[in-house]
Amino acid sequence: MEAQGLEAVILCPGQGAQAVGMGQGWHDASPAAASTFIEADDILGDALGAPLSELSFSGPPDRLNRTDVAQPALYVCGVASYRGLRERDDERPIAAAAGLSLGEYTALHLAGAFDFAEGLRLVARRGRLMQEAAERTESGMVALIGAGEDQAQAICDEAAAGEVLVIANLNAPRQIVLSGHLGACRRAIEVAGRLDLRATPLAVAGAFHSPLMQSAADAMAEELSGAGLSPLGLPVWSNVTAQPHDPENLELLRQRLVEQIISPVRWAQTCHRLVGEGTMTVHELAPGNVLRGLMRRINPSVKVKNHDQP
């Protein structure tokens, strides 16, 4: 990893960063990255309806954007880019890792919580469960620009009208995502407009990080109970608490990963604490550059080296 600095912090993207062609550059440039996609195709077989590498490189977009496809594809692409980087420079120490929502699983794999195959099995299951939960209820998410957390909560309280509407993502200062029933999301856009705030519906399958994902959380709890986890070899920051996971408490780790499905993602707070005064070298794994853009809002002094391409 070429950037100059102290120990590296690794950031792992989450759902929304996917795009057709993701990982193709790494696959073509790095034997380690190529072998990652081959391994993933062997593990998943036809579970996604086509090889994961084919969906990642060629789409079509409507298939890749499905939650049950995007989540394993993002995990594999992130690991492939990391392995490609390590192939070039295996010496730079990692200080910590964090991932946005699904990306937390990528970060946990890098920390040794589970091997690649177990991680892929878990994220594929997570994606299916969240897709199924989304299809049970008419729900959605709304990006709210310009509001603080208290104001966002007030909008939720006013617009819910007996339905579910909660804060789902605290992505950056005054960049918050709400999640809930479709009617409540529409009312939130109206309320935000009266307050001169910008609110935009997101093209997502459903109300992620809300109580409407409870069925997925319950099933994922059962899945994680049987997963073979190991103590963490480096600090990984929890989306739920915006604090590092206890590296030895694997039962608590399982609990946090279940909570993550129905709890707000505290990304801005995580990054603020993670990078401190900005003395770390920060690397964003593939795909995309969403996290670099959020860091510009969270702490403009921190420079993020993006690795969407080799």
C-alpha atoms as a PDB file:
ATOM      1  CA  MET A   1       0.000   0.000   0.000  1.00  0.00           C
ATOM      2  CA  GLU A   2       1.790   3.023  -1.315  1.00  0.00           C
ATOM      3  CA  ALA A   3       0.482   5.940   0.778  1.00  0.00           C
ATOM      4  CA  GLN A   4       2.885   7.342   3.326  1.00  0.00           C
ATOM      5  CA  GLY A   5       1.919   7.470   6.994  1.00  0.00           C
ATOM      6  CA  LEU A   6       1.669   5.465  10.160  1.00  0.00           C
ATOM      7  CA  GLU A   7      -0.272   2.244  10.583  1.00  0.00           C
ATOM      8  CA  ALA A   8      -3.133   1.814   8.144  1.00  0.00           C
ATOM      9  CA  VAL A   9      -6.838   1.934   8.881  1.00  0.00           C
ATOM     10  CA  ILE A  10      -8.975  -0.130   6.492  1.00  0.00           C
ATOM     11  CA  LEU A  11     -12.506   0.973   5.553  1.00  0.00           C
ATOM     12  CA  CYS A  12     -14.844  -1.550   3.927  1.00  0.00           C
ATOM     13  CA  PRO A  13     -17.831  -0.377   1.842  1.00  0.00           C
ATOM     14  CA  GLY A  14     -21.408  -1.476   2.338  1.00  0.00           C
ATOM     15  CA  GLN A  15     -24.534  -1.835   0.247  1.00  0.00           C
ATOM     16  CA  GLY A  16     -24.981   1.051  -2.169  1.00  0.00           C
ATOM     17  CA  ALA A  17     -21.363   0.942  -3.347  1.00  0.00           C
ATOM     18  CA  GLN A  18     -22.022  -1.894  -5.803  1.00  0.00           C
ATOM     19  CA  ALA A  19     -21.843  -1.232  -9.555  1.00  0.00           C
ATOM     20  CA  VAL A  20     -21.577  -3.398 -12.639  1.00  0.00           C
ATOM     21  CA  GLY A  21     -17.898  -4.033 -13.345  1.00  0.00           C
ATOM     22  CA  MET A  22     -16.948  -4.077  -9.660  1.00  0.00           C
ATOM     23  CA  GLY A  23     -13.777  -6.041  -9.028  1.00  0.00           C
ATOM     24  CA  GLN A  24     -13.026  -6.646 -12.715  1.00  0.00           C
ATOM     25  CA  GLY A  25      -9.881  -4.509 -12.624  1.00  0.00           C
ATOM     26  CA  TRP A  26      -8.553  -6.331  -9.569  1.00  0.00           C
ATOM     27  CA  HIS A  27      -9.428  -9.710 -11.070  1.00  0.00           C
ATOM     28  CA  ASP A  28      -7.483  -8.915 -14.237  1.00  0.00           C
ATOM     29  CA  ALA A  29      -4.475  -7.343 -12.488  1.00  0.00           C
ATOM     30  CA  SER A  30      -3.922  -9.598  -9.475  1.00  0.00           C
ATOM     31  CA  PRO A  31      -3.682 -13.407  -9.239  1.00  0.00           C
ATOM     32  CA  ALA A  32      -4.667 -13.167  -5.557  1.00  0.00           C
ATOM     33  CA  ALA A  33      -7.782 -11.174  -6.399  1.00  0.00           C
ATOM     34  CA  ALA A  34      -8.662 -13.484  -9.298  1.00  0.00           C
ATOM     35  CA  SER A  35      -8.393 -16.528  -7.047  1.00  0.00           C
ATOM     36  CA  THR A  36     -10.774 -14.851  -4.587  1.00  0.00           C
ATOM     37  CA  PHE A  37     -13.502 -14.612  -7.230  1.00  0.00           C
ATOM     38  CA  ILE A  38     -12.830 -18.194  -8.364  1.00  0.00           C
ATOM     39  CA  GLU A  39     -13.137 -19.396  -4.769  1.00  0.00           C
ATOM     40  CA  ALA A  40     -16.383 -17.457  -4.303  1.00  0.00           C
ATOM     41  CA  ASP A  41     -17.881 -18.943  -7.477  1.00  0.00           C
ATOM     42  CA  ASP A  42     -16.973 -22.424  -6.256  1.00  0.00           C
ATOM     43  CA  ILE A  43     -18.530 -21.824  -2.825  1.00  0.00           C
ATOM     44  CA  LEU A  44     -21.794 -20.257  -4.009  1.00  0.00           C
ATOM     45  CA  GLY A  45     -22.305 -22.264  -7.198  1.00  0.00           C
ATOM     46  CA  ASP A  46     -25.732 -21.378  -8.641  1.00  0.00           C
ATOM     47  CA  ALA A  47     -27.142 -19.958  -5.405  1.00  0.00           C
ATOM     48  CA  LEU A  48     -27.402 -16.469  -6.926  1.00  0.00           C
ATOM     49  CA  GLY A  49     -28.774 -17.695 -10.266  1.00  0.00           C
ATOM     50  CA  ALA A  50     -25.416 -17.063 -11.989  1.00  0.00           C
ATOM     51  CA  PRO A  51     -21.770 -17.074 -10.897  1.00  0.00           C
ATOM     52  CA  LEU A  52     -21.003 -14.232  -8.509  1.00  0.00           C
ATOM     53  CA  SER A  53     -18.117 -13.071 -10.697  1.00  0.00           C
ATOM     54  CA  GLU A  54     -20.420 -12.867 -13.731  1.00  0.00           C
ATOM     55  CA  LEU A  55     -22.975 -10.782 -11.831  1.00  0.00           C
ATOM     56  CA  SER A  56     -20.228  -8.510 -10.444  1.00  0.00           C
ATOM     57  CA  PHE A  57     -18.462  -7.941 -13.770  1.00  0.00           C
ATOM     58  CA  SER A  58     -21.410  -7.947 -16.188  1.00  0.00           C
ATOM     59  CA  GLY A  59     -24.621  -7.480 -14.203  1.00  0.00           C
ATOM     60  CA  PRO A  60     -27.343  -6.852 -15.172  1.00  0.00           C
ATOM     61  CA  PRO A  61     -27.747  -3.923 -12.737  1.00  0.00           C
ATOM     62  CA  ASP A  62     -31.184  -4.965 -11.498  1.00  0.00           C
ATOM     63  CA  ARG A  63     -29.784  -8.347 -10.441  1.00  0.00           C
ATOM     64  CA  LEU A  64     -26.607  -6.967  -8.879  1.00  0.00           C
ATOM     65  CA  ASN A  65     -28.594  -4.380  -6.920  1.00  0.00           C
ATOM     66  CA  ARG A  66     -30.756  -7.024  -5.252  1.00  0.00           C
ATOM     67  CA  THR A  67     -29.843  -7.282  -1.586  1.00  0.00           C
ATOM     68  CA  ASP A  68     -29.266 -11.037  -1.780  1.00  0.00           C
ATOM     69  CA  VAL A  69     -26.726 -10.535  -4.583  1.00  0.00           C
ATOM     70  CA  ALA A  70     -25.154  -7.206  -3.640  1.00  0.00           C
ATOM     71  CA  GLN A  71     -24.114  -8.263  -0.146  1.00  0.00           C
ATOM     72  CA  PRO A  72     -22.006 -11.316  -1.070  1.00  0.00           C
ATOM     73  CA  ALA A  73     -20.662  -9.460  -4.126  1.00  0.00           C
ATOM     74  CA  LEU A  74     -19.491  -6.546  -1.976  1.00  0.00           C
ATOM     75  CA  TYR A  75     -17.821  -8.866   0.522  1.00  0.00           C
ATOM     76  CA  VAL A  76     -15.957 -10.763  -2.199  1.00  0.00           C
ATOM     77  CA  CYS A  77     -14.907  -7.594  -4.026  1.00  0.00           C
ATOM     78  CA  GLY A  78     -13.585  -6.033  -0.818  1.00  0.00           C
ATOM     79  CA  VAL A  79     -11.579  -9.120   0.126  1.00  0.00           C
ATOM     80  CA  ALA A  80     -10.259  -9.452  -3.425  1.00  0.00           C
ATOM     81  CA  SER A  81      -8.976  -5.872  -3.432  1.00  0.00           C
ATOM     82  CA  TYR A  82      -7.386  -6.364  -0.009  1.00  0.00           C
ATOM     83  CA  ARG A  83      -5.634  -9.538  -1.144  1.00  0.00           C
ATOM     84  CA  GLY A  84      -4.455  -7.714  -4.256  1.00  0.00           C
ATOM     85  CA  LEU A  85      -2.983  -4.941  -2.123  1.00  0.00           C
ATOM     86  CA  ARG A  86      -1.291  -7.444   0.180  1.00  0.00           C
ATOM     87  CA  GLU A  87       0.165  -9.177  -2.861  1.00  0.00           C
ATOM     88  CA  ARG A  88       2.036  -5.947  -3.598  1.00  0.00           C
ATOM     89  CA  ASP A  89       2.970  -4.961  -0.048  1.00  0.00           C
ATOM     90  CA  ASP A  90       2.624  -7.436   2.793  1.00  0.00           C
ATOM     91  CA  GLU A  91       4.565  -5.358   5.301  1.00  0.00           C
ATOM     92  CA  ARG A  92       2.351  -2.430   6.245  1.00  0.00           C
ATOM     93  CA  PRO A  93       0.692  -3.089   9.628  1.00  0.00           C
ATOM     94  CA  ILE A  94      -3.046  -2.551  10.042  1.00  0.00           C
ATOM     95  CA  ALA A  95      -4.086  -0.529  13.073  1.00  0.00           C
ATOM     96  CA  ALA A  96      -7.847  -1.125  12.799  1.00  0.00           C
ATOM     97  CA  ALA A  97     -10.696  -1.844  10.408  1.00  0.00           C
ATOM     98  CA  ALA A  98     -14.296  -0.737  10.078  1.00  0.00           C
ATOM     99  CA  GLY A  99     -17.039  -1.404   7.577  1.00  0.00           C
ATOM    100  CA  LEU A 100     -20.326   0.281   6.773  1.00  0.00           C
ATOM    101  CA  SER A 101     -23.162  -2.153   7.540  1.00  0.00           C
ATOM    102  CA  LEU A 102     -22.384  -5.217   5.365  1.00  0.00           C
ATOM    103  CA  GLY A 103     -18.777  -3.977   5.249  1.00  0.00           C
ATOM    104  CA  GLU A 104     -18.407  -4.829   8.934  1.00  0.00           C
ATOM    105  CA  TYR A 105     -18.292  -8.493   7.890  1.00  0.00           C
ATOM    106  CA  THR A 106     -15.431  -7.724   5.486  1.00  0.00           C
ATOM    107  CA  ALA A 107     -13.574  -5.959   8.297  1.00  0.00           C
ATOM    108  CA  LEU A 108     -14.170  -8.892  10.656  1.00  0.00           C
ATOM    109  CA  HIS A 109     -12.757 -11.313   8.088  1.00  0.00           C
ATOM    110  CA  LEU A 110      -9.610  -9.177   7.803  1.00  0.00           C
ATOM    111  CA  ALA A 111      -9.317  -9.366  11.599  1.00  0.00           C
ATOM    112  CA  GLY A 112      -9.517 -13.166  11.553  1.00  0.00           C
ATOM    113  CA  ALA A 113     -13.006 -13.536  13.054  1.00  0.00           C
ATOM    114  CA  PHE A 114     -13.826 -16.099  10.356  1.00  0.00           C
ATOM    115  CA  ASP A 115     -12.204 -17.446   7.214  1.00  0.00           C
ATOM    116  CA  PHE A 116     -13.229 -16.305   3.745  1.00  0.00           C
ATOM    117  CA  ALA A 117     -15.621 -19.184   3.097  1.00  0.00           C
ATOM    118  CA  GLU A 118     -17.429 -18.841   6.430  1.00  0.00           C
ATOM    119  CA  GLY A 119     -17.739 -15.085   5.931  1.00  0.00           C
ATOM    120  CA  LEU A 120     -19.164 -15.575   2.443  1.00  0.00           C
ATOM    121  CA  ARG A 121     -21.684 -18.086   3.764  1.00  0.00           C
ATOM    122  CA  LEU A 122     -22.762 -15.635   6.465  1.00  0.00           C
ATOM    123  CA  VAL A 123     -23.133 -12.599   4.206  1.00  0.00           C
ATOM    124  CA  ALA A 124     -24.986 -14.603   1.555  1.00  0.00           C
ATOM    125  CA  ARG A 125     -27.417 -15.772   4.230  1.00  0.00           C
ATOM    126  CA  ARG A 126     -27.720 -12.229   5.615  1.00  0.00           C
ATOM    127  CA  GLY A 127     -28.490 -10.873   2.150  1.00  0.00           C
ATOM    128  CA  ARG A 128     -31.208 -13.480   1.533  1.00  0.00           C
ATOM    129  CA  LEU A 129     -32.816 -12.884   4.911  1.00  0.00           C
ATOM    130  CA  MET A 130     -32.871  -9.110   4.486  1.00  0.00           C
ATOM    131  CA  GLN A 131     -34.250  -9.424   0.945  1.00  0.00           C
ATOM    132  CA  GLU A 132     -37.034 -11.696   2.222  1.00  0.00           C
ATOM    133  CA  ALA A 133     -37.845  -9.338   5.100  1.00  0.00           C
ATOM    134  CA  ALA A 134     -37.999  -6.399   2.697  1.00  0.00           C
ATOM    135  CA  GLU A 135     -40.430  -8.235   0.431  1.00  0.00           C
ATOM    136  CA  ARG A 136     -42.864  -8.876   3.293  1.00  0.00           C
ATOM    137  CA  THR A 137     -43.731  -5.199   3.832  1.00  0.00           C
ATOM    138  CA  GLU A 138     -44.039  -2.069   1.702  1.00  0.00           C
ATOM    139  CA  SER A 139     -41.134  -0.100   3.129  1.00  0.00           C
ATOM    140  CA  GLY A 140     -38.216   2.070   2.142  1.00  0.00           C
ATOM    141  CA  MET A 141     -35.497   4.508   3.140  1.00  0.00           C
ATOM    142  CA  VAL A 142     -35.114   8.275   2.807  1.00  0.00           C
ATOM    143  CA  ALA A 143     -31.875  10.261   2.692  1.00  0.00           C
ATOM    144  CA  LEU A 144     -32.190  13.407   4.792  1.00  0.00           C
ATOM    145  CA  ILE A 145     -29.679  16.205   4.135  1.00  0.00           C
ATOM    146  CA  GLY A 146     -29.190  19.125   6.505  1.00  0.00           C
ATOM    147  CA  ALA A 147     -30.707  17.741   9.710  1.00  0.00           C
ATOM    148  CA  GLY A 148     -28.952  16.815  12.934  1.00  0.00           C
ATOM    149  CA  GLU A 149     -29.852  13.677  14.854  1.00  0.00           C
ATOM    150  CA  ASP A 150     -32.368  15.426  17.134  1.00  0.00           C
ATOM    151  CA  GLN A 151     -34.140  17.064  14.187  1.00  0.00           C
ATOM    152  CA  ALA A 152     -34.175  13.768  12.279  1.00  0.00           C
ATOM    153  CA  GLN A 153     -35.748  12.079  15.298  1.00  0.00           C
ATOM    154  CA  ALA A 154     -38.374  14.818  15.490  1.00  0.00           C
ATOM    155  CA  ILE A 155     -39.237  14.218  11.825  1.00  0.00           C
ATOM    156  CA  CYS A 156     -39.600  10.497  12.543  1.00  0.00           C
ATOM    157  CA  ASP A 157     -41.890  11.222  15.489  1.00  0.00           C
ATOM    158  CA  GLU A 158     -44.124  13.504  13.420  1.00  0.00           C
ATOM    159  CA  ALA A 159     -44.225  11.445  10.228  1.00  0.00           C
ATOM    160  CA  ALA A 160     -44.608   7.948  11.712  1.00  0.00           C
ATOM    161  CA  ALA A 161     -48.349   8.267  12.418  1.00  0.00           C
ATOM    162  CA  GLY A 162     -48.473   4.844  14.014  1.00  0.00           C
ATOM    163  CA  GLU A 163     -46.147   3.200  11.494  1.00  0.00           C
ATOM    164  CA  VAL A 164     -42.438   2.398  11.778  1.00  0.00           C
ATOM    165  CA  LEU A 165     -40.031   5.238  10.963  1.00  0.00           C
ATOM    166  CA  VAL A 166     -36.581   5.364  12.546  1.00  0.00           C
ATOM    167  CA  ILE A 167     -33.087   6.718  12.051  1.00  0.00           C
ATOM    168  CA  ALA A 168     -31.170   4.013  10.163  1.00  0.00           C
ATOM    169  CA  ASN A 169     -27.830   5.559   9.206  1.00  0.00           C
ATOM    170  CA  LEU A 170     -25.867   8.427  10.706  1.00  0.00           C
ATOM    171  CA  ASN A 171     -23.477   8.608   7.777  1.00  0.00           C
ATOM    172  CA  ALA A 172     -21.898  12.043   8.171  1.00  0.00           C
ATOM    173  CA  PRO A 173     -22.686  15.372   9.829  1.00  0.00           C
ATOM    174  CA  ARG A 174     -26.174  16.372   8.674  1.00  0.00           C
ATOM    175  CA  GLN A 175     -26.398  13.359   6.357  1.00  0.00           C
ATOM    176  CA  ILE A 176     -28.875  10.899   7.880  1.00  0.00           C
ATOM    177  CA  VAL A 177     -30.983   8.089   6.442  1.00  0.00           C
ATOM    178  CA  LEU A 178     -34.467   7.263   7.746  1.00  0.00           C
ATOM    179  CA  SER A 179     -36.067   3.841   7.385  1.00  0.00           C
ATOM    180  CA  GLY A 180     -39.595   2.496   7.774  1.00  0.00           C
ATOM    181  CA  HIS A 181     -42.995   1.850   6.239  1.00  0.00           C
ATOM    182  CA  LEU A 182     -43.456   3.358   2.785  1.00  0.00           C
ATOM    183  CA  GLY A 183     -46.252   5.685   3.890  1.00  0.00           C
ATOM    184  CA  ALA A 184     -44.169   6.989   6.770  1.00  0.00           C
ATOM    185  CA  CYS A 185     -41.232   7.581   4.428  1.00  0.00           C
ATOM    186  CA  ARG A 186     -43.458   9.633   2.128  1.00  0.00           C
ATOM    187  CA  ARG A 187     -44.738  11.691   5.060  1.00  0.00           C
ATOM    188  CA  ALA A 188     -41.135  12.252   6.205  1.00  0.00           C
ATOM    189  CA  ILE A 189     -40.329  13.799   2.824  1.00  0.00           C
ATOM    190  CA  GLU A 190     -43.285  16.170   3.237  1.00  0.00           C
ATOM    191  CA  VAL A 191     -42.286  17.121   6.788  1.00  0.00           C
ATOM    192  CA  ALA A 192     -38.673  17.679   5.761  1.00  0.00           C
ATOM    193  CA  GLY A 193     -39.798  19.911   2.897  1.00  0.00           C
ATOM    194  CA  ARG A 194     -41.741  22.141   5.290  1.00  0.00           C
ATOM    195  CA  LEU A 195     -38.515  22.513   7.286  1.00  0.00           C
ATOM    196  CA  ASP A 196     -36.509  23.428   4.160  1.00  0.00           C
ATOM    197  CA  LEU A 197     -34.546  20.183   4.369  1.00  0.00           C
ATOM    198  CA  ARG A 198     -33.737  17.996   1.376  1.00  0.00           C
ATOM    199  CA  ALA A 199     -35.186  14.483   1.564  1.00  0.00           C
ATOM    200  CA  THR A 200     -34.817  11.901  -1.199  1.00  0.00           C
ATOM    201  CA  PRO A 201     -36.232   8.359  -1.381  1.00  0.00           C
ATOM    202  CA  LEU A 202     -33.527   5.718  -1.886  1.00  0.00           C
ATOM    203  CA  ALA A 203     -33.698   2.890  -4.413  1.00  0.00           C
ATOM    204  CA  VAL A 204     -33.485   0.055  -1.888  1.00  0.00           C
ATOM    205  CA  ALA A 205     -35.431  -3.157  -1.343  1.00  0.00           C
ATOM    206  CA  GLY A 206     -36.811  -2.158   2.036  1.00  0.00           C
ATOM    207  CA  ALA A 207     -36.386  -0.621   5.473  1.00  0.00           C
ATOM    208  CA  PHE A 208     -32.920  -1.774   6.466  1.00  0.00           C
ATOM    209  CA  HIS A 209     -31.648  -1.079   9.996  1.00  0.00           C
ATOM    210  CA  SER A 210     -35.186  -0.790  11.313  1.00  0.00           C
ATOM    211  CA  PRO A 211     -37.583  -2.989  13.323  1.00  0.00           C
ATOM    212  CA  LEU A 212     -39.053  -4.161  10.007  1.00  0.00           C
ATOM    213  CA  MET A 213     -35.912  -6.307   9.666  1.00  0.00           C
ATOM    214  CA  GLN A 214     -36.659  -8.201  12.895  1.00  0.00           C
ATOM    215  CA  SER A 215     -37.394 -11.479  11.098  1.00  0.00           C
ATOM    216  CA  ALA A 216     -34.000 -11.283   9.395  1.00  0.00           C
ATOM    217  CA  ALA A 217     -32.306 -10.493  12.707  1.00  0.00           C
ATOM    218  CA  ASP A 218     -33.966 -13.462  14.423  1.00  0.00           C
ATOM    219  CA  ALA A 219     -32.925 -15.882  11.684  1.00  0.00           C
ATOM    220  CA  MET A 220     -29.420 -14.415  11.551  1.00  0.00           C
ATOM    221  CA  ALA A 221     -29.083 -14.971  15.299  1.00  0.00           C
ATOM    222  CA  GLU A 222     -29.618 -18.676  14.697  1.00  0.00           C
ATOM    223  CA  GLU A 223     -27.148 -18.626  11.804  1.00  0.00           C
ATOM    224  CA  LEU A 224     -24.468 -16.878  13.844  1.00  0.00           C
ATOM    225  CA  SER A 225     -24.951 -19.205  16.796  1.00  0.00           C
ATOM    226  CA  GLY A 226     -23.530 -22.019  14.699  1.00  0.00           C
ATOM    227  CA  ALA A 227     -20.793 -19.995  13.038  1.00  0.00           C
ATOM    228  CA  GLY A 228     -17.189 -20.755  13.855  1.00  0.00           C
ATOM    229  CA  LEU A 229     -15.758 -17.457  15.126  1.00  0.00           C
ATOM    230  CA  SER A 230     -12.247 -16.701  16.387  1.00  0.00           C
ATOM    231  CA  PRO A 231     -10.844 -13.888  18.564  1.00  0.00           C
ATOM    232  CA  LEU A 232     -10.084 -10.725  16.626  1.00  0.00           C
ATOM    233  CA  GLY A 233      -6.480 -10.083  15.671  1.00  0.00           C
ATOM    234  CA  LEU A 234      -6.993  -6.338  15.269  1.00  0.00           C
ATOM    235  CA  PRO A 235      -9.591  -3.792  16.406  1.00  0.00           C
ATOM    236  CA  VAL A 236     -12.818  -3.795  14.394  1.00  0.00           C
ATOM    237  CA  TRP A 237     -15.345  -1.072  15.111  1.00  0.00           C
ATOM    238  CA  SER A 238     -18.988  -1.897  15.679  1.00  0.00           C
ATOM    239  CA  ASN A 239     -21.688  -0.091  13.690  1.00  0.00           C
ATOM    240  CA  VAL A 240     -24.034  -0.408  16.659  1.00  0.00           C
ATOM    241  CA  THR A 241     -21.836   1.084  19.395  1.00  0.00           C
ATOM    242  CA  ALA A 242     -19.264   3.118  17.412  1.00  0.00           C
ATOM    243  CA  GLN A 243     -16.687   1.389  19.632  1.00  0.00           C
ATOM    244  CA  PRO A 244     -14.262  -1.492  18.957  1.00  0.00           C
ATOM    245  CA  HIS A 245     -15.637  -4.978  19.440  1.00  0.00           C
ATOM    246  CA  ASP A 246     -14.301  -6.868  22.453  1.00  0.00           C
ATOM    247  CA  PRO A 247     -11.749  -9.067  20.635  1.00  0.00           C
ATOM    248  CA  GLU A 248     -12.290 -12.070  22.931  1.00  0.00           C
ATOM    249  CA  ASN A 249     -16.032 -11.940  23.609  1.00  0.00           C
ATOM    250  CA  LEU A 250     -17.407 -13.877  20.663  1.00  0.00           C
ATOM    251  CA  GLU A 251     -20.919 -14.186  22.093  1.00  0.00           C
ATOM    252  CA  LEU A 252     -21.131 -10.413  22.340  1.00  0.00           C
ATOM    253  CA  LEU A 253     -19.817 -10.161  18.777  1.00  0.00           C
ATOM    254  CA  ARG A 254     -22.641 -12.429  17.591  1.00  0.00           C
ATOM    255  CA  GLN A 255     -25.137 -10.281  19.507  1.00  0.00           C
ATOM    256  CA  ARG A 256     -23.832  -7.055  17.973  1.00  0.00           C
ATOM    257  CA  LEU A 257     -24.070  -8.478  14.449  1.00  0.00           C
ATOM    258  CA  VAL A 258     -27.703  -9.405  15.085  1.00  0.00           C
ATOM    259  CA  GLU A 259     -28.436  -5.962  16.562  1.00  0.00           C
ATOM    260  CA  GLN A 260     -26.787  -4.322  13.559  1.00  0.00           C
ATOM    261  CA  ILE A 261     -29.593  -5.480  11.254  1.00  0.00           C
ATOM    262  CA  ILE A 262     -32.242  -3.506  13.200  1.00  0.00           C
ATOM    263  CA  SER A 263     -30.121  -0.700  14.729  1.00  0.00           C
ATOM    264  CA  PRO A 264     -28.775   2.623  13.423  1.00  0.00           C
ATOM    265  CA  VAL A 265     -25.386   2.528  11.720  1.00  0.00           C
ATOM    266  CA  ARG A 266     -23.273   5.089  13.600  1.00  0.00           C
ATOM    267  CA  TRP A 267     -20.727   5.617  10.845  1.00  0.00           C
ATOM    268  CA  ALA A 268     -19.914   9.282  11.430  1.00  0.00           C
ATOM    269  CA  GLN A 269     -19.233   8.656  15.108  1.00  0.00           C
ATOM    270  CA  THR A 270     -17.179   5.560  14.279  1.00  0.00           C
ATOM    271  CA  CYS A 271     -14.960   7.423  11.818  1.00  0.00           C
ATOM    272  CA  HIS A 272     -14.547  10.410  14.116  1.00  0.00           C
ATOM    273  CA  ARG A 273     -13.242   8.155  16.888  1.00  0.00           C
ATOM    274  CA  LEU A 274     -11.321   5.831  14.593  1.00  0.00           C
ATOM    275  CA  VAL A 275      -9.121   8.354  12.823  1.00  0.00           C
ATOM    276  CA  GLY A 276      -8.666  10.776  15.730  1.00  0.00           C
ATOM    277  CA  GLU A 277      -6.588  13.712  14.553  1.00  0.00           C
ATOM    278  CA  GLY A 278      -6.047  12.186  11.137  1.00  0.00           C
ATOM    279  CA  THR A 279      -2.529  10.803  11.660  1.00  0.00           C
ATOM    280  CA  MET A 280      -3.400   7.363  10.281  1.00  0.00           C
ATOM    281  CA  THR A 281      -3.154   6.271   6.666  1.00  0.00           C
ATOM    282  CA  VAL A 282      -6.712   5.377   5.655  1.00  0.00           C
ATOM    283  CA  HIS A 283      -7.465   2.929   2.832  1.00  0.00           C
ATOM    284  CA  GLU A 284     -10.895   2.303   1.299  1.00  0.00           C
ATOM    285  CA  LEU A 285     -11.281  -1.122  -0.268  1.00  0.00           C
ATOM    286  CA  ALA A 286     -13.200  -1.755  -3.477  1.00  0.00           C
ATOM    287  CA  PRO A 287     -15.763  -1.130  -4.787  1.00  0.00           C
ATOM    288  CA  GLY A 288     -16.543   2.565  -5.280  1.00  0.00           C
ATOM    289  CA  ASN A 289     -15.523   5.616  -3.285  1.00  0.00           C
ATOM    290  CA  VAL A 290     -18.568   6.200  -1.072  1.00  0.00           C
ATOM    291  CA  LEU A 291     -16.582   6.091   2.167  1.00  0.00           C
ATOM    292  CA  ARG A 292     -13.996   8.585   0.940  1.00  0.00           C
ATOM    293  CA  GLY A 293     -16.835  10.977   0.155  1.00  0.00           C
ATOM    294  CA  LEU A 294     -18.336  10.536   3.622  1.00  0.00           C
ATOM    295  CA  MET A 295     -14.939  11.081   5.264  1.00  0.00           C
ATOM    296  CA  ARG A 296     -14.665  14.459   3.542  1.00  0.00           C
ATOM    297  CA  ARG A 297     -17.775  15.477   5.479  1.00  0.00           C
ATOM    298  CA  ILE A 298     -16.766  13.771   8.740  1.00  0.00           C
ATOM    299  CA  ASN A 299     -13.140  14.956   8.908  1.00  0.00           C
ATOM    300  CA  PRO A 300     -11.846  16.852   5.853  1.00  0.00           C
ATOM    301  CA  SER A 301      -8.256  16.673   7.125  1.00  0.00           C
ATOM    302  CA  VAL A 302      -8.194  12.881   6.711  1.00  0.00           C
ATOM    303  CA  LYS A 303      -6.991  11.680   3.325  1.00  0.00           C
ATOM    304  CA  VAL A 304      -8.452   8.389   2.186  1.00  0.00           C
ATOM    305  CA  LYS A 305      -6.559   6.296  -0.357  1.00  0.00           C
ATOM    306  CA  ASN A 306      -9.205   4.673  -2.548  1.00  0.00           C
ATOM    307  CA  HIS A 307      -8.645   1.219  -4.068  1.00  0.00           C
ATOM    308  CA  ASP A 308     -11.629   0.800  -6.358  1.00  0.00           C
ATOM    309  CA  GLN A 309      -9.089   0.006  -9.090  1.00  0.00           C
ATOM    310  CA  PRO A 310      -5.578  -1.502  -8.819  1.00  0.00           C
END
